[in-house]
Amino acid sequence: MIKRTLTLLALALSFTLGNPQPSAEAHLAKWGSWEITHRNLMKLFPDADPNAWRIKRYQYGAEEVAYLEKELGFELYPEDKQPEFFVAQDDAGKLLGVAIFIDPRTKPKILNGGILTLEVGIGVNAEGKINRIKVYDYRGNIELTKGEFLDQLRGNTLTSNFTMDSGSLKGVPGEPEESQLVANAAREALLLMKVALGRR
């Protein structure tokens, strides 16, 4: 078993590539200020040293983009070819994991005359497993933001099945599309990290 004190590179090398799962077009979610980003990061890694977050920016090359698009089943947005990964460590300097924010929406969805956003934060621990998932400021069915639904994805890796209602994962009643989009975001986060931080 990989120890939690691995370096960031070792974290990335722990990812393994599974079979493609159903996906939707997606792009990375960003907030307008570090204050909001930081608050949302702390929800993913509450044990992190609040003053020790590091940002790792990455530029995917043409070969990596082709690989990602093949595995994900859609074209990356231009801005998604240069993602930001947020590295968490505790107050002793131990690596806790890496976080990223993804908006997995295929196309705009309207609710009560306004655009319904779906911004998903994914934290991946030092073993390359989903540590925690959060859905932020969601105005649809609130059950999509609660632990009973989101905690099903904890511990998943790229070899896991991310298809809702086909195995152990149960979607929120009445929200099959949104439930699957959250799962898609989790799988995409693992794949983006694997390619950017590790080796294929």
N, C-alpha and C. Protein backbone atom coordinates (compact mmCIF):
# COMPACT_ATOMS: atom_id res chain seq x y z
N MET A 1 0.84 -1.18 0.00
CA MET A 1 0.00 0.00 0.00
C MET A 1 0.88 1.24 0.00
N ILE A 2 0.49 2.22 -0.82
CA ILE A 2 1.29 3.41 -0.96
C ILE A 2 1.13 4.28 0.28
N LYS A 3 2.22 4.75 0.84
CA LYS A 3 2.16 5.55 2.05
C LYS A 3 1.73 6.97 1.73
N ARG A 4 1.08 7.61 2.69
CA ARG A 4 0.55 8.95 2.45
C ARG A 4 1.64 10.00 2.40
N THR A 5 2.86 9.62 2.72
CA THR A 5 3.95 10.58 2.70
C THR A 5 4.65 10.64 1.35
N LEU A 6 4.03 10.05 0.33
CA LEU A 6 4.62 10.07 -1.01
C LEU A 6 4.70 11.49 -1.53
N THR A 7 5.62 11.70 -2.42
CA THR A 7 5.72 12.99 -3.10
C THR A 7 4.58 13.15 -4.08
N LEU A 8 4.41 14.35 -4.60
CA LEU A 8 3.35 14.60 -5.58
C LEU A 8 3.50 13.70 -6.79
N LEU A 9 4.73 13.47 -7.23
CA LEU A 9 4.93 12.59 -8.37
C LEU A 9 4.49 11.18 -8.06
N ALA A 10 4.78 10.71 -6.87
CA ALA A 10 4.37 9.36 -6.49
C ALA A 10 2.86 9.27 -6.41
N LEU A 11 2.23 10.34 -5.96
CA LEU A 11 0.77 10.37 -5.95
C LEU A 11 0.24 10.12 -7.36
N ALA A 12 0.81 10.84 -8.32
CA ALA A 12 0.34 10.71 -9.69
C ALA A 12 0.57 9.32 -10.23
N LEU A 13 1.71 8.72 -9.89
CA LEU A 13 2.02 7.40 -10.41
C LEU A 13 1.11 6.32 -9.84
N SER A 14 0.38 6.64 -8.79
CA SER A 14 -0.52 5.64 -8.21
C SER A 14 -1.82 5.52 -8.98
N PHE A 15 -2.08 6.49 -9.90
CA PHE A 15 -3.29 6.40 -10.72
C PHE A 15 -3.14 5.29 -11.73
N THR A 16 -4.20 4.54 -11.96
CA THR A 16 -4.21 3.54 -13.02
C THR A 16 -5.39 3.79 -13.92
N LEU A 17 -5.24 3.53 -15.19
CA LEU A 17 -6.28 3.85 -16.16
C LEU A 17 -7.26 2.70 -16.30
N GLY A 18 -8.56 3.01 -16.13
CA GLY A 18 -9.60 2.01 -16.29
C GLY A 18 -10.27 2.15 -17.64
N ASN A 19 -11.38 1.45 -17.81
CA ASN A 19 -12.13 1.54 -19.05
C ASN A 19 -12.93 2.83 -19.10
N PRO A 20 -13.11 3.42 -20.29
CA PRO A 20 -13.89 4.64 -20.39
C PRO A 20 -15.30 4.45 -19.85
N GLN A 21 -15.78 5.47 -19.15
CA GLN A 21 -17.14 5.48 -18.61
C GLN A 21 -17.94 6.56 -19.34
N PRO A 22 -19.27 6.52 -19.25
CA PRO A 22 -20.06 7.57 -19.90
C PRO A 22 -19.63 8.94 -19.40
N SER A 23 -19.43 9.88 -20.32
CA SER A 23 -18.99 11.21 -19.95
C SER A 23 -19.84 12.24 -20.65
N ALA A 24 -19.65 13.48 -20.26
CA ALA A 24 -20.31 14.59 -20.91
C ALA A 24 -19.27 15.66 -21.15
N GLU A 25 -19.54 16.58 -22.08
CA GLU A 25 -18.64 17.68 -22.26
C GLU A 25 -18.48 18.41 -20.95
N ALA A 26 -17.29 18.86 -20.65
CA ALA A 26 -17.06 19.50 -19.36
C ALA A 26 -16.01 20.59 -19.52
N HIS A 27 -15.98 21.47 -18.55
CA HIS A 27 -14.88 22.42 -18.47
C HIS A 27 -14.62 22.73 -17.02
N LEU A 28 -13.44 23.27 -16.76
CA LEU A 28 -13.04 23.49 -15.39
C LEU A 28 -13.79 24.68 -14.80
N ALA A 29 -14.17 24.54 -13.55
CA ALA A 29 -14.87 25.60 -12.85
C ALA A 29 -13.86 26.49 -12.13
N LYS A 30 -14.09 27.79 -12.18
CA LYS A 30 -13.21 28.73 -11.49
C LYS A 30 -14.07 29.79 -10.80
N TRP A 31 -13.51 30.33 -9.73
CA TRP A 31 -14.19 31.41 -9.02
C TRP A 31 -13.39 32.69 -9.18
N GLY A 32 -14.05 33.82 -8.95
CA GLY A 32 -13.43 35.11 -9.23
C GLY A 32 -12.40 35.57 -8.23
N SER A 33 -12.26 34.91 -7.11
CA SER A 33 -11.30 35.37 -6.12
C SER A 33 -10.65 34.18 -5.41
N TRP A 34 -9.45 34.41 -4.89
CA TRP A 34 -8.77 33.38 -4.12
C TRP A 34 -9.53 33.07 -2.84
N GLU A 35 -10.18 34.07 -2.28
CA GLU A 35 -10.94 33.86 -1.04
C GLU A 35 -12.01 32.78 -1.22
N ILE A 36 -12.75 32.87 -2.32
CA ILE A 36 -13.80 31.87 -2.58
C ILE A 36 -13.16 30.52 -2.91
N THR A 37 -12.13 30.54 -3.76
CA THR A 37 -11.45 29.29 -4.12
C THR A 37 -10.91 28.61 -2.87
N HIS A 38 -10.27 29.37 -2.00
CA HIS A 38 -9.68 28.83 -0.78
C HIS A 38 -10.75 28.23 0.13
N ARG A 39 -11.86 28.91 0.27
CA ARG A 39 -12.96 28.40 1.10
C ARG A 39 -13.46 27.06 0.57
N ASN A 40 -13.57 26.96 -0.76
CA ASN A 40 -14.05 25.72 -1.36
C ASN A 40 -13.00 24.61 -1.27
N LEU A 41 -11.73 24.97 -1.33
CA LEU A 41 -10.67 23.97 -1.17
C LEU A 41 -10.68 23.38 0.23
N MET A 42 -10.90 24.22 1.23
CA MET A 42 -10.88 23.74 2.61
C MET A 42 -12.04 22.78 2.88
N LYS A 43 -13.10 22.85 2.08
CA LYS A 43 -14.19 21.89 2.22
C LYS A 43 -13.78 20.52 1.68
N LEU A 44 -12.81 20.50 0.77
CA LEU A 44 -12.33 19.24 0.21
C LEU A 44 -11.28 18.59 1.10
N PHE A 45 -10.43 19.41 1.71
CA PHE A 45 -9.39 18.92 2.61
C PHE A 45 -9.42 19.75 3.90
N PRO A 46 -10.38 19.48 4.78
CA PRO A 46 -10.51 20.29 6.00
C PRO A 46 -9.33 20.19 6.94
N ASP A 47 -8.49 19.15 6.79
CA ASP A 47 -7.31 19.00 7.64
C ASP A 47 -6.08 19.69 7.07
N ALA A 48 -6.22 20.34 5.92
CA ALA A 48 -5.08 20.99 5.29
C ALA A 48 -4.67 22.24 6.07
N ASP A 49 -3.38 22.55 6.01
CA ASP A 49 -2.88 23.81 6.54
C ASP A 49 -3.44 24.91 5.64
N PRO A 50 -4.27 25.82 6.16
CA PRO A 50 -4.91 26.82 5.31
C PRO A 50 -3.92 27.73 4.59
N ASN A 51 -2.71 27.84 5.12
CA ASN A 51 -1.72 28.75 4.53
C ASN A 51 -0.70 28.03 3.65
N ALA A 52 -0.89 26.74 3.43
CA ALA A 52 0.14 25.96 2.72
C ALA A 52 -0.33 25.41 1.38
N TRP A 53 -1.48 25.86 0.87
CA TRP A 53 -1.92 25.39 -0.44
C TRP A 53 -0.94 25.83 -1.52
N ARG A 54 -0.62 24.92 -2.43
CA ARG A 54 0.23 25.23 -3.57
C ARG A 54 -0.56 24.98 -4.86
N ILE A 55 -0.32 25.80 -5.85
CA ILE A 55 -1.00 25.66 -7.13
C ILE A 55 -0.01 25.11 -8.15
N LYS A 56 -0.40 24.02 -8.81
CA LYS A 56 0.42 23.47 -9.89
C LYS A 56 -0.33 23.66 -11.19
N ARG A 57 0.22 24.47 -12.05
CA ARG A 57 -0.37 24.69 -13.37
C ARG A 57 0.29 23.76 -14.37
N TYR A 58 -0.50 23.32 -15.34
CA TYR A 58 0.03 22.36 -16.32
C TYR A 58 -0.49 22.70 -17.70
N GLN A 59 0.32 22.48 -18.71
CA GLN A 59 -0.07 22.67 -20.10
C GLN A 59 0.00 21.31 -20.80
N TYR A 60 -1.17 20.78 -21.21
CA TYR A 60 -1.18 19.51 -21.92
C TYR A 60 -0.63 19.70 -23.33
N GLY A 61 0.23 18.77 -23.76
CA GLY A 61 0.73 18.78 -25.12
C GLY A 61 -0.29 18.15 -26.07
N ALA A 62 -0.02 18.24 -27.35
CA ALA A 62 -0.96 17.74 -28.37
C ALA A 62 -1.25 16.25 -28.19
N GLU A 63 -0.22 15.47 -27.90
CA GLU A 63 -0.41 14.03 -27.71
C GLU A 63 -1.27 13.75 -26.47
N GLU A 64 -1.04 14.51 -25.40
CA GLU A 64 -1.82 14.33 -24.18
C GLU A 64 -3.28 14.74 -24.39
N VAL A 65 -3.49 15.83 -25.13
CA VAL A 65 -4.86 16.28 -25.42
C VAL A 65 -5.59 15.20 -26.21
N ALA A 66 -4.94 14.64 -27.21
CA ALA A 66 -5.57 13.58 -28.02
C ALA A 66 -5.93 12.38 -27.15
N TYR A 67 -5.03 12.02 -26.26
CA TYR A 67 -5.28 10.90 -25.36
C TYR A 67 -6.47 11.18 -24.43
N LEU A 68 -6.48 12.37 -23.83
CA LEU A 68 -7.57 12.75 -22.93
C LEU A 68 -8.91 12.76 -23.66
N GLU A 69 -8.93 13.36 -24.83
CA GLU A 69 -10.18 13.45 -25.58
C GLU A 69 -10.70 12.08 -25.99
N LYS A 70 -9.79 11.19 -26.31
CA LYS A 70 -10.19 9.82 -26.65
C LYS A 70 -10.80 9.13 -25.43
N GLU A 71 -10.15 9.26 -24.27
CA GLU A 71 -10.63 8.59 -23.06
C GLU A 71 -11.92 9.21 -22.53
N LEU A 72 -12.04 10.54 -22.64
CA LEU A 72 -13.21 11.23 -22.12
C LEU A 72 -14.39 11.19 -23.09
N GLY A 73 -14.09 11.12 -24.37
CA GLY A 73 -15.16 11.06 -25.37
C GLY A 73 -15.68 12.42 -25.79
N PHE A 74 -14.92 13.49 -25.54
CA PHE A 74 -15.32 14.82 -25.98
C PHE A 74 -14.08 15.69 -26.11
N GLU A 75 -14.22 16.80 -26.84
CA GLU A 75 -13.10 17.72 -27.02
C GLU A 75 -12.94 18.61 -25.79
N LEU A 76 -11.71 18.83 -25.39
CA LEU A 76 -11.45 19.72 -24.27
C LEU A 76 -11.65 21.17 -24.69
N TYR A 77 -12.21 21.96 -23.79
CA TYR A 77 -12.26 23.40 -24.00
C TYR A 77 -10.82 23.93 -24.02
N PRO A 78 -10.55 25.01 -24.74
CA PRO A 78 -9.18 25.55 -24.77
C PRO A 78 -8.60 25.80 -23.38
N GLU A 79 -9.40 26.36 -22.47
CA GLU A 79 -8.89 26.66 -21.13
C GLU A 79 -8.60 25.41 -20.31
N ASP A 80 -9.23 24.29 -20.70
CA ASP A 80 -9.03 23.05 -19.94
C ASP A 80 -7.72 22.35 -20.31
N LYS A 81 -7.05 22.87 -21.33
CA LYS A 81 -5.75 22.32 -21.70
C LYS A 81 -4.64 22.89 -20.80
N GLN A 82 -5.02 23.83 -19.93
CA GLN A 82 -4.08 24.44 -19.00
C GLN A 82 -4.70 24.44 -17.60
N PRO A 83 -4.90 23.27 -17.00
CA PRO A 83 -5.60 23.21 -15.71
C PRO A 83 -4.74 23.69 -14.55
N GLU A 84 -5.42 23.99 -13.45
CA GLU A 84 -4.77 24.30 -12.19
C GLU A 84 -5.12 23.20 -11.19
N PHE A 85 -4.09 22.62 -10.59
CA PHE A 85 -4.27 21.63 -9.54
C PHE A 85 -3.84 22.26 -8.22
N PHE A 86 -4.61 22.01 -7.17
CA PHE A 86 -4.34 22.60 -5.86
C PHE A 86 -3.83 21.51 -4.92
N VAL A 87 -2.61 21.67 -4.46
CA VAL A 87 -1.94 20.66 -3.64
C VAL A 87 -2.13 20.98 -2.16
N ALA A 88 -2.67 20.01 -1.42
CA ALA A 88 -2.94 20.18 0.01
C ALA A 88 -1.91 19.44 0.86
N GLN A 89 -1.49 20.08 1.94
CA GLN A 89 -0.63 19.42 2.92
C GLN A 89 -1.07 19.84 4.31
N ASP A 90 -0.72 19.02 5.30
CA ASP A 90 -1.10 19.38 6.67
C ASP A 90 -0.06 20.32 7.27
N ASP A 91 -0.26 20.68 8.55
CA ASP A 91 0.63 21.67 9.15
C ASP A 91 2.02 21.13 9.44
N ALA A 92 2.21 19.82 9.25
CA ALA A 92 3.53 19.22 9.39
C ALA A 92 4.22 19.07 8.03
N GLY A 93 3.55 19.50 6.96
CA GLY A 93 4.12 19.42 5.62
C GLY A 93 3.86 18.12 4.90
N LYS A 94 3.02 17.26 5.47
CA LYS A 94 2.71 15.97 4.83
C LYS A 94 1.68 16.17 3.72
N LEU A 95 1.94 15.56 2.58
CA LEU A 95 1.01 15.64 1.45
C LEU A 95 -0.31 14.97 1.80
N LEU A 96 -1.41 15.69 1.62
CA LEU A 96 -2.75 15.12 1.82
C LEU A 96 -3.38 14.71 0.50
N GLY A 97 -3.12 15.47 -0.55
CA GLY A 97 -3.71 15.14 -1.84
C GLY A 97 -3.77 16.34 -2.75
N VAL A 98 -4.56 16.21 -3.81
CA VAL A 98 -4.67 17.23 -4.85
C VAL A 98 -6.15 17.46 -5.14
N ALA A 99 -6.51 18.72 -5.39
CA ALA A 99 -7.90 19.08 -5.68
C ALA A 99 -8.00 19.77 -7.03
N ILE A 100 -9.17 19.66 -7.63
CA ILE A 100 -9.48 20.37 -8.87
C ILE A 100 -10.97 20.64 -8.88
N PHE A 101 -11.37 21.67 -9.63
CA PHE A 101 -12.78 22.02 -9.77
C PHE A 101 -13.21 21.80 -11.21
N ILE A 102 -14.35 21.15 -11.39
CA ILE A 102 -14.85 20.84 -12.73
C ILE A 102 -16.32 21.19 -12.84
N ASP A 103 -16.70 21.78 -13.98
CA ASP A 103 -18.09 22.01 -14.33
C ASP A 103 -18.44 20.99 -15.41
N PRO A 104 -19.17 19.93 -15.07
CA PRO A 104 -19.40 18.84 -16.03
C PRO A 104 -20.64 19.02 -16.91
N ARG A 105 -21.21 20.22 -16.92
CA ARG A 105 -22.46 20.42 -17.66
C ARG A 105 -22.25 20.30 -19.17
N THR A 106 -23.10 19.55 -19.84
CA THR A 106 -23.03 19.40 -21.29
C THR A 106 -23.46 20.69 -21.99
N LYS A 107 -24.53 21.26 -21.53
CA LYS A 107 -25.05 22.51 -22.10
C LYS A 107 -25.78 23.25 -20.98
N PRO A 108 -25.97 24.56 -21.13
CA PRO A 108 -26.64 25.33 -20.07
C PRO A 108 -28.01 24.74 -19.73
N LYS A 109 -28.32 24.74 -18.45
CA LYS A 109 -29.63 24.28 -18.00
C LYS A 109 -30.32 25.42 -17.28
N ILE A 110 -31.57 25.64 -17.60
CA ILE A 110 -32.31 26.77 -17.06
C ILE A 110 -33.26 26.28 -15.97
N LEU A 111 -33.26 26.97 -14.83
CA LEU A 111 -34.19 26.69 -13.74
C LEU A 111 -34.76 28.00 -13.25
N ASN A 112 -36.08 28.12 -13.31
CA ASN A 112 -36.76 29.34 -12.86
C ASN A 112 -36.19 30.59 -13.53
N GLY A 113 -35.89 30.48 -14.81
CA GLY A 113 -35.42 31.63 -15.57
C GLY A 113 -33.95 31.94 -15.44
N GLY A 114 -33.21 31.17 -14.65
CA GLY A 114 -31.78 31.41 -14.49
C GLY A 114 -30.97 30.17 -14.85
N ILE A 115 -29.69 30.37 -15.15
CA ILE A 115 -28.82 29.25 -15.49
C ILE A 115 -28.48 28.47 -14.23
N LEU A 116 -28.68 27.17 -14.28
CA LEU A 116 -28.39 26.29 -13.15
C LEU A 116 -26.95 25.80 -13.28
N THR A 117 -26.09 26.29 -12.39
CA THR A 117 -24.69 25.88 -12.45
C THR A 117 -24.48 24.57 -11.72
N LEU A 118 -23.43 23.85 -12.12
CA LEU A 118 -23.05 22.61 -11.45
C LEU A 118 -21.54 22.63 -11.33
N GLU A 119 -21.05 23.07 -10.18
CA GLU A 119 -19.62 23.20 -9.95
C GLU A 119 -19.20 22.17 -8.92
N VAL A 120 -18.33 21.26 -9.34
CA VAL A 120 -17.96 20.11 -8.53
C VAL A 120 -16.49 20.22 -8.14
N GLY A 121 -16.21 20.10 -6.85
CA GLY A 121 -14.84 20.05 -6.36
C GLY A 121 -14.48 18.61 -6.03
N ILE A 122 -13.33 18.17 -6.49
CA ILE A 122 -12.90 16.79 -6.26
C ILE A 122 -11.53 16.80 -5.59
N GLY A 123 -11.43 16.15 -4.44
CA GLY A 123 -10.17 15.98 -3.75
C GLY A 123 -9.70 14.54 -3.89
N VAL A 124 -8.46 14.35 -4.32
CA VAL A 124 -7.89 13.02 -4.51
C VAL A 124 -6.76 12.85 -3.51
N ASN A 125 -6.79 11.76 -2.75
CA ASN A 125 -5.78 11.60 -1.69
C ASN A 125 -4.45 11.10 -2.23
N ALA A 126 -3.50 10.91 -1.33
CA ALA A 126 -2.14 10.53 -1.72
C ALA A 126 -2.05 9.10 -2.24
N GLU A 127 -3.14 8.35 -2.17
CA GLU A 127 -3.17 6.99 -2.73
C GLU A 127 -3.84 6.97 -4.10
N GLY A 128 -4.19 8.16 -4.62
CA GLY A 128 -4.83 8.22 -5.92
C GLY A 128 -6.30 7.84 -5.90
N LYS A 129 -6.94 7.99 -4.74
CA LYS A 129 -8.37 7.67 -4.60
C LYS A 129 -9.16 8.93 -4.29
N ILE A 130 -10.43 8.94 -4.72
CA ILE A 130 -11.30 10.06 -4.38
C ILE A 130 -11.38 10.17 -2.86
N ASN A 131 -11.02 11.33 -2.36
CA ASN A 131 -11.05 11.58 -0.92
C ASN A 131 -12.37 12.22 -0.51
N ARG A 132 -12.78 13.22 -1.27
CA ARG A 132 -14.01 13.93 -0.93
C ARG A 132 -14.49 14.67 -2.17
N ILE A 133 -15.81 14.78 -2.31
CA ILE A 133 -16.42 15.54 -3.41
C ILE A 133 -17.42 16.52 -2.81
N LYS A 134 -17.43 17.72 -3.36
CA LYS A 134 -18.40 18.73 -2.95
C LYS A 134 -19.05 19.33 -4.19
N VAL A 135 -20.33 19.65 -4.08
CA VAL A 135 -21.05 20.38 -5.11
C VAL A 135 -21.40 21.73 -4.50
N TYR A 136 -21.01 22.81 -5.19
CA TYR A 136 -21.11 24.15 -4.61
C TYR A 136 -22.28 24.95 -5.17
N ASP A 137 -22.98 25.64 -4.29
CA ASP A 137 -24.01 26.64 -4.66
C ASP A 137 -25.03 26.09 -5.65
N TYR A 138 -25.43 24.85 -5.46
CA TYR A 138 -26.36 24.22 -6.39
C TYR A 138 -27.79 24.58 -6.01
N ARG A 139 -28.59 25.01 -6.99
CA ARG A 139 -29.96 25.45 -6.71
C ARG A 139 -31.03 24.44 -7.13
N GLY A 140 -30.59 23.25 -7.55
CA GLY A 140 -31.54 22.20 -7.88
C GLY A 140 -31.87 21.38 -6.65
N ASN A 141 -32.08 20.10 -6.83
CA ASN A 141 -32.40 19.20 -5.72
C ASN A 141 -31.21 19.16 -4.76
N ILE A 142 -31.42 19.63 -3.53
CA ILE A 142 -30.36 19.76 -2.55
C ILE A 142 -29.71 18.42 -2.18
N GLU A 143 -30.41 17.32 -2.44
CA GLU A 143 -29.86 16.00 -2.13
C GLU A 143 -28.58 15.72 -2.93
N LEU A 144 -28.42 16.41 -4.06
CA LEU A 144 -27.23 16.24 -4.88
C LEU A 144 -25.98 16.76 -4.17
N THR A 145 -26.16 17.61 -3.17
CA THR A 145 -25.03 18.21 -2.47
C THR A 145 -24.71 17.52 -1.14
N LYS A 146 -25.48 16.51 -0.79
CA LYS A 146 -25.34 15.90 0.54
C LYS A 146 -24.47 14.65 0.53
N GLY A 147 -23.94 14.34 1.70
CA GLY A 147 -23.02 13.21 1.86
C GLY A 147 -23.61 11.88 1.47
N GLU A 148 -24.89 11.68 1.68
CA GLU A 148 -25.50 10.38 1.37
C GLU A 148 -25.28 10.02 -0.10
N PHE A 149 -25.32 11.03 -0.97
CA PHE A 149 -25.07 10.81 -2.39
C PHE A 149 -23.58 10.87 -2.70
N LEU A 150 -22.90 11.94 -2.29
CA LEU A 150 -21.51 12.17 -2.69
C LEU A 150 -20.53 11.17 -2.11
N ASP A 151 -20.81 10.69 -0.89
CA ASP A 151 -19.86 9.79 -0.23
C ASP A 151 -19.76 8.42 -0.90
N GLN A 152 -20.71 8.11 -1.80
CA GLN A 152 -20.62 6.85 -2.54
C GLN A 152 -19.36 6.79 -3.41
N LEU A 153 -18.87 7.96 -3.81
CA LEU A 153 -17.73 8.03 -4.71
C LEU A 153 -16.39 8.01 -3.99
N ARG A 154 -16.42 8.13 -2.67
CA ARG A 154 -15.16 8.13 -1.91
C ARG A 154 -14.46 6.78 -2.07
N GLY A 155 -13.15 6.85 -2.27
CA GLY A 155 -12.36 5.63 -2.44
C GLY A 155 -12.28 5.15 -3.88
N ASN A 156 -13.05 5.74 -4.78
CA ASN A 156 -13.01 5.31 -6.18
C ASN A 156 -11.70 5.69 -6.85
N THR A 157 -11.28 4.87 -7.81
CA THR A 157 -10.10 5.12 -8.63
C THR A 157 -10.53 5.05 -10.10
N LEU A 158 -9.58 5.21 -11.00
CA LEU A 158 -9.91 5.13 -12.42
C LEU A 158 -10.39 3.75 -12.85
N THR A 159 -10.14 2.74 -12.05
CA THR A 159 -10.62 1.40 -12.40
C THR A 159 -12.05 1.16 -11.91
N SER A 160 -12.61 2.11 -11.18
CA SER A 160 -13.96 1.96 -10.63
C SER A 160 -15.02 2.22 -11.69
N ASN A 161 -16.22 1.74 -11.42
CA ASN A 161 -17.37 1.99 -12.28
C ASN A 161 -18.03 3.29 -11.83
N PHE A 162 -18.10 4.28 -12.73
CA PHE A 162 -18.69 5.57 -12.39
C PHE A 162 -20.09 5.73 -12.98
N THR A 163 -20.69 4.64 -13.44
CA THR A 163 -22.02 4.71 -14.03
C THR A 163 -23.08 4.60 -12.94
N MET A 164 -23.92 5.62 -12.84
CA MET A 164 -24.96 5.64 -11.82
C MET A 164 -26.02 4.57 -12.09
N ASP A 165 -26.51 3.99 -11.01
CA ASP A 165 -27.62 3.04 -11.03
C ASP A 165 -27.33 1.77 -11.84
N SER A 166 -26.02 1.46 -12.01
CA SER A 166 -25.67 0.22 -12.69
C SER A 166 -24.92 -0.72 -11.77
N GLY A 167 -24.62 -0.28 -10.58
CA GLY A 167 -23.89 -1.09 -9.61
C GLY A 167 -24.14 -0.55 -8.22
N SER A 168 -23.07 -0.19 -7.53
CA SER A 168 -23.21 0.29 -6.16
C SER A 168 -23.58 1.76 -6.07
N LEU A 169 -23.44 2.51 -7.16
CA LEU A 169 -23.74 3.94 -7.15
C LEU A 169 -25.23 4.17 -7.42
N LYS A 170 -25.85 4.93 -6.54
CA LYS A 170 -27.27 5.25 -6.68
C LYS A 170 -27.45 6.75 -6.88
N GLY A 171 -28.11 7.11 -7.98
CA GLY A 171 -28.36 8.51 -8.25
C GLY A 171 -29.42 9.10 -7.36
N VAL A 172 -29.46 10.42 -7.30
CA VAL A 172 -30.50 11.11 -6.55
C VAL A 172 -31.83 10.92 -7.28
N PRO A 173 -32.88 10.47 -6.61
CA PRO A 173 -34.17 10.27 -7.27
C PRO A 173 -34.63 11.54 -7.99
N GLY A 174 -35.01 11.37 -9.25
CA GLY A 174 -35.48 12.50 -10.04
C GLY A 174 -34.37 13.33 -10.65
N GLU A 175 -33.11 12.99 -10.37
CA GLU A 175 -31.97 13.76 -10.90
C GLU A 175 -30.95 12.83 -11.56
N PRO A 176 -31.39 11.99 -12.52
CA PRO A 176 -30.44 11.04 -13.12
C PRO A 176 -29.31 11.72 -13.89
N GLU A 177 -29.63 12.77 -14.64
CA GLU A 177 -28.59 13.45 -15.43
C GLU A 177 -27.58 14.14 -14.52
N GLU A 178 -28.08 14.88 -13.53
CA GLU A 178 -27.17 15.61 -12.64
C GLU A 178 -26.31 14.63 -11.83
N SER A 179 -26.89 13.54 -11.40
CA SER A 179 -26.15 12.54 -10.63
C SER A 179 -25.00 11.98 -11.45
N GLN A 180 -25.28 11.65 -12.72
CA GLN A 180 -24.24 11.10 -13.58
C GLN A 180 -23.16 12.14 -13.87
N LEU A 181 -23.55 13.41 -14.02
CA LEU A 181 -22.57 14.45 -14.27
C LEU A 181 -21.58 14.60 -13.13
N VAL A 182 -22.06 14.46 -11.90
CA VAL A 182 -21.16 14.54 -10.75
C VAL A 182 -20.16 13.38 -10.78
N ALA A 183 -20.66 12.19 -11.08
CA ALA A 183 -19.77 11.03 -11.19
C ALA A 183 -18.77 11.20 -12.33
N ASN A 184 -19.23 11.76 -13.46
CA ASN A 184 -18.34 12.01 -14.58
C ASN A 184 -17.21 12.96 -14.17
N ALA A 185 -17.56 13.99 -13.39
CA ALA A 185 -16.56 14.96 -12.95
C ALA A 185 -15.49 14.28 -12.10
N ALA A 186 -15.91 13.34 -11.27
CA ALA A 186 -14.95 12.62 -10.42
C ALA A 186 -13.98 11.82 -11.26
N ARG A 187 -14.49 11.10 -12.24
CA ARG A 187 -13.61 10.31 -13.11
C ARG A 187 -12.70 11.21 -13.93
N GLU A 188 -13.24 12.32 -14.44
CA GLU A 188 -12.42 13.23 -15.23
C GLU A 188 -11.28 13.80 -14.39
N ALA A 189 -11.56 14.14 -13.14
CA ALA A 189 -10.51 14.67 -12.27
C ALA A 189 -9.36 13.68 -12.13
N LEU A 190 -9.69 12.41 -11.92
CA LEU A 190 -8.65 11.39 -11.79
C LEU A 190 -7.82 11.28 -13.07
N LEU A 191 -8.48 11.34 -14.21
CA LEU A 191 -7.78 11.21 -15.48
C LEU A 191 -6.89 12.43 -15.76
N LEU A 192 -7.41 13.64 -15.50
CA LEU A 192 -6.62 14.85 -15.71
C LEU A 192 -5.38 14.84 -14.83
N MET A 193 -5.54 14.41 -13.59
CA MET A 193 -4.39 14.34 -12.69
C MET A 193 -3.38 13.30 -13.12
N LYS A 194 -3.89 12.17 -13.55
CA LYS A 194 -2.97 11.10 -13.97
C LYS A 194 -2.09 11.55 -15.13
N VAL A 195 -2.69 12.21 -16.10
CA VAL A 195 -1.92 12.62 -17.27
C VAL A 195 -0.98 13.79 -16.94
N ALA A 196 -1.46 14.73 -16.13
CA ALA A 196 -0.64 15.92 -15.83
C ALA A 196 0.46 15.63 -14.82
N LEU A 197 0.19 14.78 -13.86
CA LEU A 197 1.11 14.61 -12.74
C LEU A 197 1.87 13.30 -12.75
N GLY A 198 1.53 12.42 -13.67
CA GLY A 198 2.17 11.11 -13.68
C GLY A 198 2.64 10.70 -15.05
N ARG A 199 2.65 9.39 -15.26
CA ARG A 199 3.07 8.87 -16.56
C ARG A 199 2.01 7.90 -17.06
N ARG A 200 1.87 7.83 -18.39
CA ARG A 200 0.95 6.87 -18.97
C ARG A 200 1.72 5.63 -19.33
